[in-house]
């Protein structure tokens, strides 16, 4: 059964900015995935961190 057009499922835009349709995927150490999923709103926090990382404002001393 194919997806119906104009369905309500899927990625939602944040504010006025639409999401990129191509996801970023990377491998993590064993157990990280399960721990990450226990954090409320982890996807939004990760998106914000990536934005800061790109801007060079991660707060890291490296």
Protein backbone atom coordinates (compact mmCIF):
# COMPACT_ATOMS: atom_id res chain seq x y z
CA UNK A 1 0.00 0.00 0.00
CA UNK A 2 1.68 3.27 -1.07
CA UNK A 3 1.78 6.39 1.10
CA UNK A 4 -1.12 8.73 0.49
CA UNK A 5 -0.29 12.23 -0.69
CA UNK A 6 -0.53 15.00 1.92
CA UNK A 7 -0.19 12.53 4.80
CA UNK A 8 0.50 13.87 8.32
CA UNK A 9 3.49 11.61 9.09
CA UNK A 10 7.17 12.35 8.57
CA UNK A 11 9.65 15.08 9.46
CA UNK A 12 8.12 18.40 10.44
CA UNK A 13 9.79 21.76 9.76
CA UNK A 14 11.29 23.65 12.69
CA UNK A 15 9.79 27.10 12.61
CA UNK A 16 9.86 28.42 9.06
CA UNK A 17 12.88 26.31 8.03
CA UNK A 18 12.08 22.98 6.32
CA UNK A 19 14.10 19.86 7.11
CA UNK A 20 16.58 18.50 4.59
CA UNK A 21 15.19 15.28 3.10
CA UNK A 22 18.62 13.57 3.21
CA UNK A 23 19.54 12.39 6.73
CA UNK A 24 23.04 12.54 8.20
CA UNK A 25 24.10 9.07 9.36
CA UNK A 26 27.15 8.06 11.37
CA UNK A 27 28.26 5.15 13.53
CA UNK A 28 28.54 5.45 17.30
CA UNK A 29 30.12 3.30 20.00
CA UNK A 30 28.22 0.31 21.37
CA UNK A 31 25.40 1.35 23.72
CA UNK A 32 25.33 5.03 22.71
CA UNK A 33 22.21 4.65 20.57
CA UNK A 34 20.13 3.22 23.43
CA UNK A 35 21.38 5.85 25.90
CA UNK A 36 20.70 8.68 23.46
CA UNK A 37 17.11 7.56 22.94
CA UNK A 38 16.44 7.92 26.69
CA UNK A 39 17.11 11.69 26.56
CA UNK A 40 13.92 13.73 26.07
CA UNK A 41 13.96 15.80 22.87
CA UNK A 42 17.37 14.38 21.91
CA UNK A 43 16.97 15.02 18.20
CA UNK A 44 16.33 18.73 18.65
CA UNK A 45 19.25 19.02 21.10
CA UNK A 46 21.53 17.25 18.61
CA UNK A 47 20.41 19.56 15.78
CA UNK A 48 21.22 22.60 17.93
CA UNK A 49 24.62 21.17 18.86
CA UNK A 50 25.44 20.52 15.19
CA UNK A 51 24.53 24.14 14.37
CA UNK A 52 26.88 25.36 17.15
CA UNK A 53 29.59 22.95 15.98
CA UNK A 54 29.40 24.38 12.47
CA UNK A 55 29.56 27.93 13.87
CA UNK A 56 32.60 26.97 15.99
CA UNK A 57 30.82 27.64 19.30
CA UNK A 58 30.81 24.18 20.87
CA UNK A 59 32.27 25.29 24.20
CA UNK A 60 35.10 22.78 23.79
CA UNK A 61 38.66 23.68 24.80
CA UNK A 62 40.19 21.84 21.83
